[in-house]
Every structure is written in structure tokens, then in C-alpha cells.
Amino acid sequence: MRESLEKYGHSQPALFYTDNMIDKDFLERCFPSLRDGVVPVEKYSHLPTLEIPPDVSICVIKSVNEINTAMRTIIQDIPDNSNQQRIVIFLDSEWNVEFLTVVI
């Protein structure tokens, strides 16, 4: 598309809309003009970089069985005398959705 714009004497895009930020790098590689005059702002540059302590593990679990096993492990590790304490378990859930289009 960039070559076609050049070939026919059109200017390169200065603005592009996408609803998915993952497209940003791809679009900027295809159209370097999208970076012209742009000064990136580091929104949280005044904050220290988050470092995950070495004793903290992050696990990606994908099946119902893995989720149940992880929850049982957490619950089993709670001391018996902790019934007066509040226990919070946080789950971040993401999944891809595919829509099928049927043309008749």
C-alpha cells in the first residue's frame, strides 16, 4: 500500500485508526510517516520499574483441571488458625473469541 501511494503521488498517512494496540508496531513499520513528529510520552516514567521478587512465581494455566489443582493447592496451604483472616485469590482470565460467518 505504501508503494502504491508513492507510485500514484499520494501522501503517506499521518493518522491511522486501529482498535487493537498490538497493530501499532506493524503499522509504524509499514508507514514510517505515522512516527513523524511524534514524541512518545512515558506516562509513568516517574515511578520505579516493577520488579517481581524472585520468590514469586507466575503460572499460566489453561485447563479447568489446572485451575482446580491450583486453587486446591492455595486452599490447602492456608493455616487452620486463619479463619479470622481474609483470603483473596485473584484470577486474570483472557480468551480468544472466534465468530463463524456462514454465507448461504
C-alpha atoms as a PDB file:
ATOM      1  CA  MET A   1       0.000   0.000   0.000  1.00  0.00           C
ATOM      2  CA  ARG A   2       2.860   2.378   0.843  1.00  0.00           C
ATOM      3  CA  GLU A   3       4.407   1.764  -2.580  1.00  0.00           C
ATOM      4  CA  SER A   4       1.068   2.354  -4.319  1.00  0.00           C
ATOM      5  CA  LEU A   5       0.626   5.665  -2.520  1.00  0.00           C
ATOM      6  CA  GLU A   6       4.107   6.737  -3.649  1.00  0.00           C
ATOM      7  CA  LYS A   7       3.606   5.459  -7.203  1.00  0.00           C
ATOM      8  CA  TYR A   8       0.409   7.454  -7.719  1.00  0.00           C
ATOM      9  CA  GLY A   9       1.663  10.604  -5.992  1.00  0.00           C
ATOM     10  CA  HIS A  10      -0.406  10.382  -2.823  1.00  0.00           C
ATOM     11  CA  SER A  11       0.961  11.379   0.555  1.00  0.00           C
ATOM     12  CA  GLN A  12       1.658   8.797   3.220  1.00  0.00           C
ATOM     13  CA  PRO A  13      -0.825   8.526   6.113  1.00  0.00           C
ATOM     14  CA  ALA A  14      -0.272  10.733   9.131  1.00  0.00           C
ATOM     15  CA  LEU A  15      -3.025   9.102  11.152  1.00  0.00           C
ATOM     16  CA  PHE A  16      -4.332   5.557  11.333  1.00  0.00           C
ATOM     17  CA  TYR A  17      -7.107   4.047  13.468  1.00  0.00           C
ATOM     18  CA  THR A  18      -6.964   0.573  14.926  1.00  0.00           C
ATOM     19  CA  ASP A  19      -8.957  -0.933  17.768  1.00  0.00           C
ATOM     20  CA  ASN A  20      -6.071  -3.221  18.658  1.00  0.00           C
ATOM     21  CA  MET A  21      -2.871  -1.669  20.037  1.00  0.00           C
ATOM     22  CA  ILE A  22      -0.927  -4.766  19.007  1.00  0.00           C
ATOM     23  CA  ASP A  23      -1.173  -3.408  15.428  1.00  0.00           C
ATOM     24  CA  LYS A  24       0.831  -0.279  16.336  1.00  0.00           C
ATOM     25  CA  ASP A  25       4.334  -1.627  15.616  1.00  0.00           C
ATOM     26  CA  PHE A  26       3.190  -3.302  12.396  1.00  0.00           C
ATOM     27  CA  LEU A  27       1.551  -0.129  11.117  1.00  0.00           C
ATOM     28  CA  GLU A  28       4.561   2.015  12.032  1.00  0.00           C
ATOM     29  CA  ARG A  29       6.847  -0.390  10.144  1.00  0.00           C
ATOM     30  CA  CYS A  30       4.572  -0.244   7.092  1.00  0.00           C
ATOM     31  CA  PHE A  31       4.094   3.519   7.283  1.00  0.00           C
ATOM     32  CA  PRO A  32       7.079   5.274   8.910  1.00  0.00           C
ATOM     33  CA  SER A  33       5.163   8.534   8.320  1.00  0.00           C
ATOM     34  CA  LEU A  34       2.988   7.609  11.317  1.00  0.00           C
ATOM     35  CA  ARG A  35       6.005   8.326  13.558  1.00  0.00           C
ATOM     36  CA  ASP A  36       6.795  11.749  12.026  1.00  0.00           C
ATOM     37  CA  GLY A  37       6.634  14.476  14.656  1.00  0.00           C
ATOM     38  CA  VAL A  38       5.520  12.071  17.372  1.00  0.00           C
ATOM     39  CA  VAL A  39       7.229  12.395  20.736  1.00  0.00           C
ATOM     40  CA  PRO A  40       6.357   9.384  22.897  1.00  0.00           C
ATOM     41  CA  VAL A  41       5.271  10.219  26.405  1.00  0.00           C
ATOM     42  CA  GLU A  42       6.198   7.831  29.159  1.00  0.00           C
ATOM     43  CA  LYS A  43       3.105   8.098  31.290  1.00  0.00           C
ATOM     44  CA  TYR A  44       4.580   6.507  34.394  1.00  0.00           C
ATOM     45  CA  SER A  45       8.249   7.406  33.979  1.00  0.00           C
ATOM     46  CA  HIS A  46       8.259   8.986  37.451  1.00  0.00           C
ATOM     47  CA  LEU A  47       7.550   5.591  39.044  1.00  0.00           C
ATOM     48  CA  PRO A  48      10.162   2.901  39.674  1.00  0.00           C
ATOM     49  CA  THR A  49      10.066  -0.154  37.434  1.00  0.00           C
ATOM     50  CA  LEU A  50       8.127  -3.027  38.993  1.00  0.00           C
ATOM     51  CA  GLU A  51      10.342  -5.960  39.773  1.00  0.00           C
ATOM     52  CA  ILE A  52       8.785  -9.296  40.596  1.00  0.00           C
ATOM     53  CA  PRO A  53      10.522 -10.778  43.637  1.00  0.00           C
ATOM     54  CA  PRO A  54      12.439 -13.991  42.906  1.00  0.00           C
ATOM     55  CA  ASP A  55      10.260 -15.974  45.325  1.00  0.00           C
ATOM     56  CA  VAL A  56       7.082 -15.070  43.372  1.00  0.00           C
ATOM     57  CA  SER A  57       6.108 -17.370  40.537  1.00  0.00           C
ATOM     58  CA  ILE A  58       3.679 -16.552  37.754  1.00  0.00           C
ATOM     59  CA  CYS A  59       1.834 -19.514  36.289  1.00  0.00           C
ATOM     60  CA  VAL A  60      -0.228 -19.605  33.129  1.00  0.00           C
ATOM     61  CA  ILE A  61      -2.860 -22.293  33.493  1.00  0.00           C
ATOM     62  CA  LYS A  62      -5.175 -23.191  30.657  1.00  0.00           C
ATOM     63  CA  SER A  63      -7.467 -26.024  31.657  1.00  0.00           C
ATOM     64  CA  VAL A  64     -10.224 -26.494  34.212  1.00  0.00           C
ATOM     65  CA  ASN A  65      -8.193 -29.248  35.856  1.00  0.00           C
ATOM     66  CA  GLU A  66      -5.134 -26.983  36.201  1.00  0.00           C
ATOM     67  CA  ILE A  67      -7.277 -24.220  37.721  1.00  0.00           C
ATOM     68  CA  ASN A  68      -8.879 -26.605  40.225  1.00  0.00           C
ATOM     69  CA  THR A  69      -5.477 -28.027  41.186  1.00  0.00           C
ATOM     70  CA  ALA A  70      -4.031 -24.538  41.702  1.00  0.00           C
ATOM     71  CA  MET A  71      -6.988 -23.465  43.859  1.00  0.00           C
ATOM     72  CA  ARG A  72      -6.798 -26.653  45.964  1.00  0.00           C
ATOM     73  CA  THR A  73      -3.070 -26.067  46.496  1.00  0.00           C
ATOM     74  CA  ILE A  74      -3.680 -22.495  47.654  1.00  0.00           C
ATOM     75  CA  ILE A  75      -6.522 -23.501  49.972  1.00  0.00           C
ATOM     76  CA  GLN A  76      -4.508 -26.397  51.454  1.00  0.00           C
ATOM     77  CA  ASP A  77      -1.638 -24.009  52.260  1.00  0.00           C
ATOM     78  CA  ILE A  78      -3.882 -21.773  54.392  1.00  0.00           C
ATOM     79  CA  PRO A  79      -3.186 -22.395  58.094  1.00  0.00           C
ATOM     80  CA  ASP A  80      -6.069 -23.778  60.148  1.00  0.00           C
ATOM     81  CA  ASN A  81      -5.971 -20.807  62.521  1.00  0.00           C
ATOM     82  CA  SER A  82      -6.546 -18.330  59.688  1.00  0.00           C
ATOM     83  CA  ASN A  83     -10.355 -18.411  59.855  1.00  0.00           C
ATOM     84  CA  GLN A  84     -10.306 -14.844  61.186  1.00  0.00           C
ATOM     85  CA  GLN A  85      -8.203 -13.593  58.280  1.00  0.00           C
ATOM     86  CA  ARG A  86      -9.455 -12.631  54.862  1.00  0.00           C
ATOM     87  CA  ILE A  87      -8.010 -14.633  51.961  1.00  0.00           C
ATOM     88  CA  VAL A  88      -8.152 -13.158  48.455  1.00  0.00           C
ATOM     89  CA  ILE A  89      -7.355 -15.119  45.303  1.00  0.00           C
ATOM     90  CA  PHE A  90      -7.060 -13.126  42.077  1.00  0.00           C
ATOM     91  CA  LEU A  91      -7.519 -14.647  38.643  1.00  0.00           C
ATOM     92  CA  ASP A  92      -6.918 -12.845  35.363  1.00  0.00           C
ATOM     93  CA  SER A  93      -8.947 -14.507  32.644  1.00  0.00           C
ATOM     94  CA  GLU A  94      -8.492 -13.911  28.942  1.00  0.00           C
ATOM     95  CA  TRP A  95      -9.637 -15.896  25.973  1.00  0.00           C
ATOM     96  CA  ASN A  96      -9.886 -15.593  22.217  1.00  0.00           C
ATOM     97  CA  VAL A  97     -13.319 -15.454  20.658  1.00  0.00           C
ATOM     98  CA  GLU A  98     -13.865 -16.658  17.129  1.00  0.00           C
ATOM     99  CA  PHE A  99     -17.034 -15.807  15.277  1.00  0.00           C
ATOM    100  CA  LEU A 100     -18.006 -18.046  12.416  1.00  0.00           C
ATOM    101  CA  THR A 101     -19.573 -16.397   9.406  1.00  0.00           C
ATOM    102  CA  VAL A 102     -21.894 -18.569   7.396  1.00  0.00           C
ATOM    103  CA  VAL A 103     -22.618 -17.481   3.843  1.00  0.00           C
ATOM    104  CA  ILE A 104     -25.601 -19.159   2.223  1.00  0.00           C
END
